[in-house]
Amino acid sequence: MVKRAEAAAATRSALVRAASELLDEGGPGAVTLRAVGARAGVSRGAPYGHFERKEHLLTEIAVNAWNSLADKVEQLRADPDATPSARLERALLTLIEVGRRQPHLYALMFSTPADDPESAGAAGRLQDQFLAIVADLVGESDALRYGALLMSSAHGIAALELSGHLAKEKWKVGGEQLVRMQVDAIRSGVENADACH
């Protein structure tokens, strides 16, 4: 019984890997259950035994991506040698980097229905880790509003880079500099507010 469960888990994992590769190569349209099965080297019917529809497979890929991102941000948060500002910059750039390296995956992460319990749970885990980093810089009471500002800005930077509308040649600034400018402005604002009290 254990061997059957292990084999099923290995097949499912191979299917998810194959689907991720197809997604990276050609976007969601390239991910069909038949193509995934062929890429994974399993029978034509195997994908259907694990995923009822292609959307379920894509949701699992998005959930895995959110969890991977949450793991990375959690590691950044635990770095005792980095300042709160540096941790925040790195967390934002980690998100932007997914958009740069895997644009189809990035788009999938933000197009998966927010009310899907698994996706919402994984995205919520990232949000919790991210807000903890934000709180280290601005305090608990302001973490949500600054977190929303920073996350939406990072998403905007990634989207503009992907579309080619944030060309460094045109704007004379890149994503890294924009993130640093935002974090520096917020840090300065917090320091000034603290000095006034």
N, C-alpha and C. Protein backbone atom coordinates (compact mmCIF):
# COMPACT_ATOMS: atom_id res chain seq x y z
N MET A 1 0.82 -1.20 0.00
CA MET A 1 0.00 0.00 0.00
C MET A 1 0.86 1.26 0.00
N VAL A 2 1.95 1.22 0.80
CA VAL A 2 2.84 2.39 0.86
C VAL A 2 3.51 2.62 -0.48
N LYS A 3 3.91 1.54 -1.13
CA LYS A 3 4.57 1.69 -2.42
C LYS A 3 3.64 2.31 -3.45
N ARG A 4 2.36 1.92 -3.41
CA ARG A 4 1.40 2.49 -4.35
C ARG A 4 1.23 3.98 -4.08
N ALA A 5 1.14 4.36 -2.82
CA ALA A 5 1.00 5.78 -2.45
C ALA A 5 2.25 6.56 -2.87
N GLU A 6 3.42 5.95 -2.65
CA GLU A 6 4.67 6.61 -3.05
C GLU A 6 4.73 6.77 -4.57
N ALA A 7 4.30 5.75 -5.29
CA ALA A 7 4.31 5.82 -6.76
C ALA A 7 3.34 6.89 -7.24
N ALA A 8 2.18 6.97 -6.61
CA ALA A 8 1.19 7.99 -6.99
C ALA A 8 1.73 9.38 -6.71
N ALA A 9 2.39 9.55 -5.56
CA ALA A 9 2.96 10.86 -5.22
C ALA A 9 4.08 11.23 -6.19
N ALA A 10 4.90 10.24 -6.57
CA ALA A 10 5.98 10.50 -7.53
C ALA A 10 5.41 10.88 -8.90
N THR A 11 4.36 10.20 -9.31
CA THR A 11 3.73 10.53 -10.60
C THR A 11 3.15 11.93 -10.56
N ARG A 12 2.45 12.25 -9.48
CA ARG A 12 1.85 13.59 -9.35
C ARG A 12 2.94 14.65 -9.39
N SER A 13 4.03 14.41 -8.69
CA SER A 13 5.15 15.36 -8.67
C SER A 13 5.75 15.52 -10.07
N ALA A 14 5.89 14.42 -10.80
CA ALA A 14 6.42 14.48 -12.17
C ALA A 14 5.47 15.26 -13.08
N LEU A 15 4.18 15.08 -12.87
CA LEU A 15 3.20 15.82 -13.68
C LEU A 15 3.27 17.32 -13.41
N VAL A 16 3.41 17.68 -12.15
CA VAL A 16 3.50 19.10 -11.80
C VAL A 16 4.78 19.71 -12.38
N ARG A 17 5.89 18.97 -12.28
CA ARG A 17 7.16 19.46 -12.86
C ARG A 17 7.02 19.65 -14.37
N ALA A 18 6.44 18.66 -15.03
CA ALA A 18 6.26 18.74 -16.48
C ALA A 18 5.36 19.92 -16.85
N ALA A 19 4.30 20.11 -16.11
CA ALA A 19 3.39 21.23 -16.38
C ALA A 19 4.09 22.55 -16.16
N SER A 20 4.93 22.63 -15.13
CA SER A 20 5.68 23.86 -14.86
C SER A 20 6.62 24.19 -16.01
N GLU A 21 7.27 23.16 -16.54
CA GLU A 21 8.16 23.37 -17.69
C GLU A 21 7.38 23.87 -18.90
N LEU A 22 6.25 23.24 -19.17
CA LEU A 22 5.43 23.66 -20.31
C LEU A 22 4.92 25.08 -20.12
N LEU A 23 4.54 25.42 -18.90
CA LEU A 23 4.08 26.78 -18.60
C LEU A 23 5.19 27.78 -18.89
N ASP A 24 6.40 27.48 -18.41
CA ASP A 24 7.53 28.39 -18.64
C ASP A 24 7.82 28.55 -20.13
N GLU A 25 7.67 27.48 -20.88
CA GLU A 25 8.00 27.51 -22.31
C GLU A 25 6.94 28.20 -23.16
N GLY A 26 5.66 28.04 -22.78
CA GLY A 26 4.64 28.55 -23.69
C GLY A 26 3.39 29.14 -23.05
N GLY A 27 3.43 29.33 -21.75
CA GLY A 27 2.27 29.91 -21.09
C GLY A 27 1.19 28.87 -20.81
N PRO A 28 0.08 29.29 -20.23
CA PRO A 28 -0.99 28.36 -19.86
C PRO A 28 -1.56 27.58 -21.04
N GLY A 29 -1.55 28.18 -22.22
CA GLY A 29 -2.06 27.49 -23.40
C GLY A 29 -1.26 26.25 -23.76
N ALA A 30 0.00 26.22 -23.38
CA ALA A 30 0.86 25.07 -23.68
C ALA A 30 0.63 23.92 -22.71
N VAL A 31 -0.07 24.19 -21.63
CA VAL A 31 -0.30 23.17 -20.61
C VAL A 31 -1.64 22.48 -20.89
N THR A 32 -1.54 21.29 -21.47
CA THR A 32 -2.72 20.44 -21.63
C THR A 32 -2.41 19.16 -20.88
N LEU A 33 -3.43 18.48 -20.40
CA LEU A 33 -3.17 17.25 -19.65
C LEU A 33 -2.47 16.22 -20.52
N ARG A 34 -2.78 16.18 -21.80
CA ARG A 34 -2.12 15.24 -22.71
C ARG A 34 -0.63 15.60 -22.85
N ALA A 35 -0.33 16.88 -23.06
CA ALA A 35 1.08 17.31 -23.20
C ALA A 35 1.85 17.09 -21.91
N VAL A 36 1.19 17.32 -20.79
CA VAL A 36 1.84 17.12 -19.49
C VAL A 36 2.19 15.65 -19.31
N GLY A 37 1.25 14.77 -19.64
CA GLY A 37 1.51 13.33 -19.53
C GLY A 37 2.66 12.90 -20.42
N ALA A 38 2.67 13.41 -21.66
CA ALA A 38 3.75 13.07 -22.59
C ALA A 38 5.09 13.56 -22.06
N ARG A 39 5.13 14.79 -21.56
CA ARG A 39 6.38 15.36 -21.03
C ARG A 39 6.86 14.57 -19.81
N ALA A 40 5.92 14.13 -18.98
CA ALA A 40 6.28 13.39 -17.76
C ALA A 40 6.60 11.92 -18.05
N GLY A 41 6.28 11.47 -19.26
CA GLY A 41 6.58 10.08 -19.63
C GLY A 41 5.63 9.07 -18.99
N VAL A 42 4.39 9.48 -18.79
CA VAL A 42 3.40 8.57 -18.20
C VAL A 42 2.31 8.30 -19.24
N SER A 43 1.42 7.39 -18.91
CA SER A 43 0.33 7.05 -19.83
C SER A 43 -0.58 8.26 -20.06
N ARG A 44 -1.32 8.21 -21.16
CA ARG A 44 -2.22 9.32 -21.49
C ARG A 44 -3.25 9.57 -20.40
N GLY A 45 -3.70 8.52 -19.76
CA GLY A 45 -4.73 8.67 -18.74
C GLY A 45 -4.21 9.08 -17.37
N ALA A 46 -2.91 8.95 -17.14
CA ALA A 46 -2.35 9.23 -15.81
C ALA A 46 -2.67 10.64 -15.31
N PRO A 47 -2.51 11.68 -16.12
CA PRO A 47 -2.81 13.02 -15.60
C PRO A 47 -4.25 13.16 -15.11
N TYR A 48 -5.17 12.48 -15.79
CA TYR A 48 -6.59 12.58 -15.42
C TYR A 48 -6.88 11.88 -14.10
N GLY A 49 -6.03 10.96 -13.71
CA GLY A 49 -6.18 10.30 -12.41
C GLY A 49 -5.74 11.18 -11.26
N HIS A 50 -4.99 12.22 -11.57
CA HIS A 50 -4.48 13.12 -10.52
C HIS A 50 -5.14 14.49 -10.56
N PHE A 51 -5.54 14.92 -11.74
CA PHE A 51 -6.12 16.25 -11.90
C PHE A 51 -7.37 16.15 -12.78
N GLU A 52 -8.47 16.58 -12.24
CA GLU A 52 -9.73 16.49 -12.98
C GLU A 52 -9.69 17.36 -14.24
N ARG A 53 -9.11 18.54 -14.07
CA ARG A 53 -9.02 19.48 -15.19
C ARG A 53 -7.67 20.18 -15.15
N LYS A 54 -7.32 20.75 -16.26
CA LYS A 54 -6.08 21.52 -16.39
C LYS A 54 -6.01 22.62 -15.34
N GLU A 55 -7.13 23.27 -15.04
CA GLU A 55 -7.15 24.38 -14.08
C GLU A 55 -6.71 23.92 -12.69
N HIS A 56 -7.03 22.67 -12.34
CA HIS A 56 -6.60 22.15 -11.04
C HIS A 56 -5.07 22.01 -11.00
N LEU A 57 -4.51 21.57 -12.10
CA LEU A 57 -3.06 21.44 -12.20
C LEU A 57 -2.39 22.81 -12.14
N LEU A 58 -2.94 23.77 -12.86
CA LEU A 58 -2.38 25.13 -12.84
C LEU A 58 -2.50 25.75 -11.45
N THR A 59 -3.59 25.47 -10.76
CA THR A 59 -3.74 25.99 -9.39
C THR A 59 -2.66 25.40 -8.49
N GLU A 60 -2.38 24.11 -8.65
CA GLU A 60 -1.33 23.50 -7.83
C GLU A 60 0.03 24.14 -8.12
N ILE A 61 0.30 24.45 -9.37
CA ILE A 61 1.55 25.13 -9.71
C ILE A 61 1.60 26.50 -9.03
N ALA A 62 0.51 27.24 -9.07
CA ALA A 62 0.47 28.56 -8.42
C ALA A 62 0.65 28.43 -6.92
N VAL A 63 0.00 27.45 -6.30
CA VAL A 63 0.14 27.24 -4.86
C VAL A 63 1.59 26.93 -4.51
N ASN A 64 2.23 26.06 -5.30
CA ASN A 64 3.64 25.74 -5.06
C ASN A 64 4.51 26.98 -5.18
N ALA A 65 4.21 27.83 -6.15
CA ALA A 65 5.00 29.06 -6.34
C ALA A 65 4.82 30.00 -5.16
N TRP A 66 3.58 30.17 -4.70
CA TRP A 66 3.34 31.03 -3.53
C TRP A 66 4.09 30.50 -2.31
N ASN A 67 4.04 29.17 -2.12
CA ASN A 67 4.73 28.58 -0.97
C ASN A 67 6.24 28.73 -1.07
N SER A 68 6.77 28.56 -2.27
CA SER A 68 8.21 28.75 -2.48
C SER A 68 8.62 30.19 -2.18
N LEU A 69 7.83 31.12 -2.64
CA LEU A 69 8.10 32.54 -2.38
C LEU A 69 8.00 32.83 -0.88
N ALA A 70 7.02 32.26 -0.22
CA ALA A 70 6.88 32.45 1.23
C ALA A 70 8.09 31.89 1.96
N ASP A 71 8.61 30.74 1.52
CA ASP A 71 9.81 30.16 2.13
C ASP A 71 11.00 31.10 1.98
N LYS A 72 11.16 31.68 0.80
CA LYS A 72 12.28 32.59 0.56
C LYS A 72 12.17 33.84 1.43
N VAL A 73 10.96 34.39 1.54
CA VAL A 73 10.77 35.59 2.36
C VAL A 73 10.98 35.26 3.83
N GLU A 74 10.57 34.07 4.24
CA GLU A 74 10.80 33.65 5.62
C GLU A 74 12.29 33.56 5.92
N GLN A 75 13.07 33.05 4.97
CA GLN A 75 14.52 32.99 5.13
C GLN A 75 15.12 34.39 5.22
N LEU A 76 14.63 35.31 4.39
CA LEU A 76 15.11 36.70 4.45
C LEU A 76 14.81 37.30 5.82
N ARG A 77 13.63 37.02 6.31
CA ARG A 77 13.20 37.56 7.60
C ARG A 77 14.11 37.07 8.73
N ALA A 78 14.62 35.87 8.59
CA ALA A 78 15.44 35.28 9.64
C ALA A 78 16.91 35.70 9.56
N ASP A 79 17.28 36.48 8.57
CA ASP A 79 18.68 36.90 8.39
C ASP A 79 19.05 37.93 9.45
N PRO A 80 19.86 37.54 10.44
CA PRO A 80 20.18 38.46 11.53
C PRO A 80 21.17 39.56 11.12
N ASP A 81 21.84 39.38 10.00
CA ASP A 81 22.85 40.35 9.58
C ASP A 81 22.29 41.47 8.72
N ALA A 82 21.06 41.31 8.24
CA ALA A 82 20.46 42.33 7.36
C ALA A 82 19.64 43.31 8.18
N THR A 83 19.66 44.56 7.77
CA THR A 83 18.84 45.58 8.42
C THR A 83 17.38 45.38 7.99
N PRO A 84 16.43 45.94 8.73
CA PRO A 84 15.03 45.83 8.29
C PRO A 84 14.83 46.37 6.87
N SER A 85 15.49 47.47 6.53
CA SER A 85 15.37 48.02 5.18
C SER A 85 15.91 47.06 4.13
N ALA A 86 17.05 46.46 4.41
CA ALA A 86 17.65 45.52 3.46
C ALA A 86 16.77 44.28 3.28
N ARG A 87 16.21 43.78 4.38
CA ARG A 87 15.32 42.62 4.28
C ARG A 87 14.09 42.96 3.44
N LEU A 88 13.55 44.15 3.64
CA LEU A 88 12.37 44.56 2.89
C LEU A 88 12.68 44.71 1.40
N GLU A 89 13.80 45.33 1.09
CA GLU A 89 14.21 45.46 -0.32
C GLU A 89 14.34 44.09 -0.97
N ARG A 90 15.01 43.18 -0.28
CA ARG A 90 15.24 41.85 -0.83
C ARG A 90 13.93 41.08 -1.00
N ALA A 91 13.00 41.26 -0.06
CA ALA A 91 11.70 40.58 -0.18
C ALA A 91 10.95 41.07 -1.42
N LEU A 92 10.95 42.37 -1.63
CA LEU A 92 10.26 42.94 -2.79
C LEU A 92 10.93 42.49 -4.09
N LEU A 93 12.24 42.49 -4.10
CA LEU A 93 12.96 42.08 -5.31
C LEU A 93 12.79 40.59 -5.59
N THR A 94 12.58 39.80 -4.54
CA THR A 94 12.32 38.38 -4.73
C THR A 94 11.03 38.17 -5.51
N LEU A 95 10.01 38.95 -5.19
CA LEU A 95 8.75 38.88 -5.93
C LEU A 95 8.95 39.34 -7.38
N ILE A 96 9.61 40.46 -7.55
CA ILE A 96 9.84 40.99 -8.90
C ILE A 96 10.65 40.01 -9.73
N GLU A 97 11.59 39.34 -9.10
CA GLU A 97 12.46 38.39 -9.81
C GLU A 97 11.66 37.22 -10.38
N VAL A 98 10.61 36.79 -9.70
CA VAL A 98 9.77 35.73 -10.26
C VAL A 98 9.18 36.21 -11.59
N GLY A 99 8.72 37.44 -11.62
CA GLY A 99 8.17 38.00 -12.86
C GLY A 99 9.21 38.07 -13.96
N ARG A 100 10.43 38.38 -13.59
CA ARG A 100 11.49 38.48 -14.59
C ARG A 100 11.89 37.12 -15.15
N ARG A 101 12.06 36.15 -14.27
CA ARG A 101 12.55 34.83 -14.67
C ARG A 101 11.46 33.91 -15.22
N GLN A 102 10.27 34.03 -14.65
CA GLN A 102 9.18 33.13 -15.05
C GLN A 102 7.89 33.94 -15.23
N PRO A 103 7.83 34.70 -16.30
CA PRO A 103 6.68 35.60 -16.48
C PRO A 103 5.33 34.88 -16.55
N HIS A 104 5.29 33.70 -17.14
CA HIS A 104 4.02 32.97 -17.21
C HIS A 104 3.59 32.49 -15.82
N LEU A 105 4.56 32.04 -15.04
CA LEU A 105 4.25 31.62 -13.68
C LEU A 105 3.77 32.80 -12.85
N TYR A 106 4.45 33.92 -12.99
CA TYR A 106 4.07 35.13 -12.26
C TYR A 106 2.64 35.54 -12.60
N ALA A 107 2.31 35.53 -13.87
CA ALA A 107 0.94 35.88 -14.29
C ALA A 107 -0.06 34.87 -13.73
N LEU A 108 0.30 33.60 -13.73
CA LEU A 108 -0.58 32.57 -13.18
C LEU A 108 -0.83 32.80 -11.70
N MET A 109 0.21 33.14 -10.96
CA MET A 109 0.06 33.36 -9.52
C MET A 109 -0.98 34.44 -9.24
N PHE A 110 -0.99 35.47 -10.05
CA PHE A 110 -1.91 36.58 -9.81
C PHE A 110 -3.22 36.44 -10.57
N SER A 111 -3.39 35.34 -11.31
CA SER A 111 -4.66 35.13 -12.00
C SER A 111 -5.45 33.97 -11.41
N THR A 112 -4.81 33.19 -10.55
CA THR A 112 -5.52 32.10 -9.88
C THR A 112 -6.58 32.72 -8.98
N PRO A 113 -7.79 32.20 -9.01
CA PRO A 113 -8.87 32.81 -8.21
C PRO A 113 -8.48 32.98 -6.74
N ALA A 114 -8.66 34.18 -6.24
CA ALA A 114 -8.28 34.50 -4.86
C ALA A 114 -9.12 33.74 -3.85
N ASP A 115 -10.29 33.26 -4.27
CA ASP A 115 -11.15 32.54 -3.33
C ASP A 115 -10.87 31.04 -3.31
N ASP A 116 -9.92 30.57 -4.11
CA ASP A 116 -9.51 29.18 -4.03
C ASP A 116 -8.81 28.96 -2.69
N PRO A 117 -9.29 28.04 -1.85
CA PRO A 117 -8.74 27.90 -0.50
C PRO A 117 -7.24 27.62 -0.45
N GLU A 118 -6.76 26.73 -1.32
CA GLU A 118 -5.33 26.42 -1.30
C GLU A 118 -4.49 27.61 -1.74
N SER A 119 -4.91 28.24 -2.81
CA SER A 119 -4.18 29.40 -3.32
C SER A 119 -4.21 30.54 -2.31
N ALA A 120 -5.38 30.78 -1.73
CA ALA A 120 -5.51 31.84 -0.74
C ALA A 120 -4.64 31.55 0.48
N GLY A 121 -4.58 30.29 0.89
CA GLY A 121 -3.76 29.93 2.04
C GLY A 121 -2.27 30.15 1.78
N ALA A 122 -1.82 29.75 0.59
CA ALA A 122 -0.41 29.92 0.25
C ALA A 122 -0.06 31.39 0.07
N ALA A 123 -0.92 32.14 -0.61
CA ALA A 123 -0.67 33.58 -0.78
C ALA A 123 -0.74 34.28 0.57
N GLY A 124 -1.64 33.83 1.44
CA GLY A 124 -1.74 34.40 2.78
C GLY A 124 -0.49 34.14 3.60
N ARG A 125 0.12 32.99 3.41
CA ARG A 125 1.37 32.69 4.11
C ARG A 125 2.47 33.65 3.68
N LEU A 126 2.55 33.92 2.38
CA LEU A 126 3.52 34.91 1.90
C LEU A 126 3.20 36.27 2.50
N GLN A 127 1.94 36.64 2.48
CA GLN A 127 1.54 37.95 3.02
C GLN A 127 1.95 38.08 4.48
N ASP A 128 1.75 37.04 5.27
CA ASP A 128 2.12 37.09 6.69
C ASP A 128 3.62 37.30 6.86
N GLN A 129 4.42 36.57 6.08
CA GLN A 129 5.88 36.72 6.17
C GLN A 129 6.30 38.12 5.72
N PHE A 130 5.70 38.58 4.64
CA PHE A 130 6.03 39.90 4.11
C PHE A 130 5.65 40.99 5.10
N LEU A 131 4.45 40.90 5.68
CA LEU A 131 4.01 41.92 6.63
C LEU A 131 4.88 41.95 7.88
N ALA A 132 5.41 40.80 8.27
CA ALA A 132 6.32 40.78 9.42
C ALA A 132 7.59 41.56 9.09
N ILE A 133 8.08 41.45 7.86
CA ILE A 133 9.26 42.21 7.45
C ILE A 133 8.93 43.70 7.41
N VAL A 134 7.77 44.04 6.87
CA VAL A 134 7.34 45.44 6.82
C VAL A 134 7.23 46.00 8.24
N ALA A 135 6.63 45.21 9.14
CA ALA A 135 6.45 45.66 10.53
C ALA A 135 7.78 45.92 11.22
N ASP A 136 8.81 45.17 10.85
CA ASP A 136 10.14 45.41 11.44
C ASP A 136 10.64 46.81 11.13
N LEU A 137 10.18 47.37 10.01
CA LEU A 137 10.62 48.71 9.61
C LEU A 137 9.66 49.79 10.09
N VAL A 138 8.35 49.55 9.96
CA VAL A 138 7.38 50.63 10.22
C VAL A 138 6.56 50.43 11.49
N GLY A 139 6.65 49.26 12.09
CA GLY A 139 5.84 48.96 13.27
C GLY A 139 4.57 48.22 12.88
N GLU A 140 4.03 47.48 13.84
CA GLU A 140 2.84 46.66 13.61
C GLU A 140 1.64 47.48 13.14
N SER A 141 1.44 48.64 13.74
CA SER A 141 0.22 49.41 13.46
C SER A 141 0.16 49.94 12.03
N ASP A 142 1.30 50.13 11.40
CA ASP A 142 1.33 50.66 10.03
C ASP A 142 1.67 49.60 8.98
N ALA A 143 1.90 48.37 9.42
CA ALA A 143 2.39 47.33 8.49
C ALA A 143 1.42 47.05 7.35
N LEU A 144 0.13 47.01 7.62
CA LEU A 144 -0.82 46.68 6.55
C LEU A 144 -0.85 47.73 5.45
N ARG A 145 -0.95 48.99 5.83
CA ARG A 145 -1.06 50.00 4.77
C ARG A 145 0.25 50.16 4.00
N TYR A 146 1.39 50.12 4.69
CA TYR A 146 2.66 50.19 3.97
C TYR A 146 2.89 48.91 3.17
N GLY A 147 2.49 47.78 3.73
CA GLY A 147 2.63 46.51 3.02
C GLY A 147 1.85 46.51 1.72
N ALA A 148 0.61 47.03 1.77
CA ALA A 148 -0.21 47.10 0.55
C ALA A 148 0.42 48.03 -0.48
N LEU A 149 0.94 49.15 -0.01
CA LEU A 149 1.61 50.10 -0.92
C LEU A 149 2.81 49.44 -1.59
N LEU A 150 3.64 48.79 -0.80
CA LEU A 150 4.86 48.19 -1.32
C LEU A 150 4.57 47.00 -2.22
N MET A 151 3.63 46.15 -1.82
CA MET A 151 3.31 44.98 -2.64
C MET A 151 2.70 45.39 -3.97
N SER A 152 1.80 46.36 -3.94
CA SER A 152 1.20 46.80 -5.20
C SER A 152 2.23 47.50 -6.09
N SER A 153 3.16 48.19 -5.48
CA SER A 153 4.21 48.84 -6.25
C SER A 153 5.14 47.80 -6.89
N ALA A 154 5.52 46.79 -6.11
CA ALA A 154 6.38 45.73 -6.66
C ALA A 154 5.67 45.01 -7.81
N HIS A 155 4.39 44.76 -7.64
CA HIS A 155 3.61 44.12 -8.71
C HIS A 155 3.58 45.02 -9.94
N GLY A 156 3.43 46.31 -9.73
CA GLY A 156 3.44 47.26 -10.85
C GLY A 156 4.78 47.30 -11.55
N ILE A 157 5.85 47.28 -10.77
CA ILE A 157 7.20 47.27 -11.36
C ILE A 157 7.37 46.02 -12.22
N ALA A 158 6.99 44.87 -11.66
CA ALA A 158 7.13 43.61 -12.41
C ALA A 158 6.30 43.65 -13.69
N ALA A 159 5.07 44.12 -13.59
CA ALA A 159 4.20 44.17 -14.77
C ALA A 159 4.74 45.13 -15.83
N LEU A 160 5.23 46.28 -15.40
CA LEU A 160 5.78 47.24 -16.36
C LEU A 160 7.06 46.72 -17.01
N GLU A 161 7.89 46.03 -16.22
CA GLU A 161 9.09 45.43 -16.81
C GLU A 161 8.71 44.37 -17.84
N LEU A 162 7.74 43.53 -17.49
CA LEU A 162 7.33 42.46 -18.41
C LEU A 162 6.77 43.00 -19.71
N SER A 163 6.06 44.10 -19.62
CA SER A 163 5.45 44.68 -20.83
C SER A 163 6.42 45.55 -21.62
N GLY A 164 7.60 45.80 -21.04
CA GLY A 164 8.59 46.63 -21.71
C GLY A 164 8.39 48.12 -21.50
N HIS A 165 7.45 48.49 -20.65
CA HIS A 165 7.14 49.91 -20.42
C HIS A 165 7.99 50.55 -19.32
N LEU A 166 8.84 49.76 -18.69
CA LEU A 166 9.74 50.32 -17.68
C LEU A 166 11.17 50.11 -18.15
N ALA A 167 11.43 50.52 -19.36
CA ALA A 167 12.76 50.37 -19.94
C ALA A 167 13.72 51.34 -19.26
N LYS A 168 14.84 50.80 -18.80
CA LYS A 168 15.83 51.62 -18.11
C LYS A 168 16.34 52.74 -19.01
N GLU A 169 16.43 52.46 -20.30
CA GLU A 169 16.90 53.47 -21.25
C GLU A 169 15.95 54.67 -21.30
N LYS A 170 14.68 54.40 -21.14
CA LYS A 170 13.68 55.47 -21.21
C LYS A 170 13.57 56.23 -19.89
N TRP A 171 13.48 55.51 -18.79
CA TRP A 171 13.21 56.13 -17.49
C TRP A 171 14.48 56.43 -16.69
N LYS A 172 15.61 55.88 -17.12
CA LYS A 172 16.90 56.08 -16.43
C LYS A 172 16.87 55.55 -15.00
N VAL A 173 16.03 54.55 -14.78
CA VAL A 173 15.93 53.92 -13.47
C VAL A 173 15.42 52.50 -13.69
N GLY A 174 15.87 51.58 -12.86
CA GLY A 174 15.42 50.19 -12.96
C GLY A 174 14.62 49.78 -11.74
N GLY A 175 14.14 48.57 -11.77
CA GLY A 175 13.32 48.06 -10.68
C GLY A 175 14.02 48.09 -9.33
N GLU A 176 15.30 47.72 -9.32
CA GLU A 176 16.04 47.71 -8.06
C GLU A 176 16.10 49.11 -7.45
N GLN A 177 16.38 50.09 -8.30
CA GLN A 177 16.45 51.48 -7.80
C GLN A 177 15.09 51.97 -7.31
N LEU A 178 14.03 51.61 -8.01
CA LEU A 178 12.70 52.03 -7.58
C LEU A 178 12.34 51.43 -6.23
N VAL A 179 12.67 50.16 -6.04
CA VAL A 179 12.41 49.52 -4.75
C VAL A 179 13.21 50.21 -3.66
N ARG A 180 14.48 50.45 -3.92
CA ARG A 180 15.33 51.12 -2.92
C ARG A 180 14.80 52.51 -2.59
N MET A 181 14.36 53.25 -3.62
CA MET A 181 13.81 54.59 -3.38
C MET A 181 12.58 54.52 -2.48
N GLN A 182 11.71 53.57 -2.74
CA GLN A 182 10.50 53.45 -1.92
C GLN A 182 10.83 53.08 -0.48
N VAL A 183 11.68 52.09 -0.32
CA VAL A 183 12.03 51.65 1.03
C VAL A 183 12.74 52.77 1.77
N ASP A 184 13.65 53.47 1.10
CA ASP A 184 14.35 54.59 1.74
C ASP A 184 13.38 55.70 2.13
N ALA A 185 12.42 56.00 1.27
CA ALA A 185 11.44 57.05 1.58
C ALA A 185 10.60 56.66 2.78
N ILE A 186 10.19 55.41 2.83
CA ILE A 186 9.38 54.95 3.98
C ILE A 186 10.22 54.96 5.25
N ARG A 187 11.46 54.47 5.16
CA ARG A 187 12.34 54.46 6.33
C ARG A 187 12.56 55.87 6.84
N SER A 188 12.83 56.81 5.93
CA SER A 188 13.04 58.21 6.33
C SER A 188 11.79 58.79 6.97
N GLY A 189 10.63 58.49 6.40
CA GLY A 189 9.39 58.98 6.97
C GLY A 189 9.15 58.46 8.37
N VAL A 190 9.46 57.19 8.58
CA VAL A 190 9.30 56.59 9.91
C VAL A 190 10.28 57.22 10.89
N GLU A 191 11.52 57.40 10.46
CA GLU A 191 12.52 58.02 11.34
C GLU A 191 12.14 59.45 11.69
N ASN A 192 11.65 60.21 10.71
CA ASN A 192 11.22 61.59 10.97
C ASN A 192 10.04 61.64 11.92
N ALA A 193 9.10 60.72 11.73
CA ALA A 193 7.93 60.67 12.62
C ALA A 193 8.35 60.32 14.04
N ASP A 194 9.30 59.39 14.16
CA ASP A 194 9.79 59.02 15.49
C ASP A 194 10.51 60.18 16.15
N ALA A 195 11.25 60.96 15.36
CA ALA A 195 12.00 62.10 15.90
C ALA A 195 11.06 63.20 16.39
N CYS A 196 9.88 63.30 15.78
CA CYS A 196 8.91 64.33 16.17
C CYS A 196 8.17 63.96 17.44
N HIS A 197 8.18 62.70 17.83
CA HIS A 197 7.43 62.27 19.01
C HIS A 197 8.27 62.21 20.24
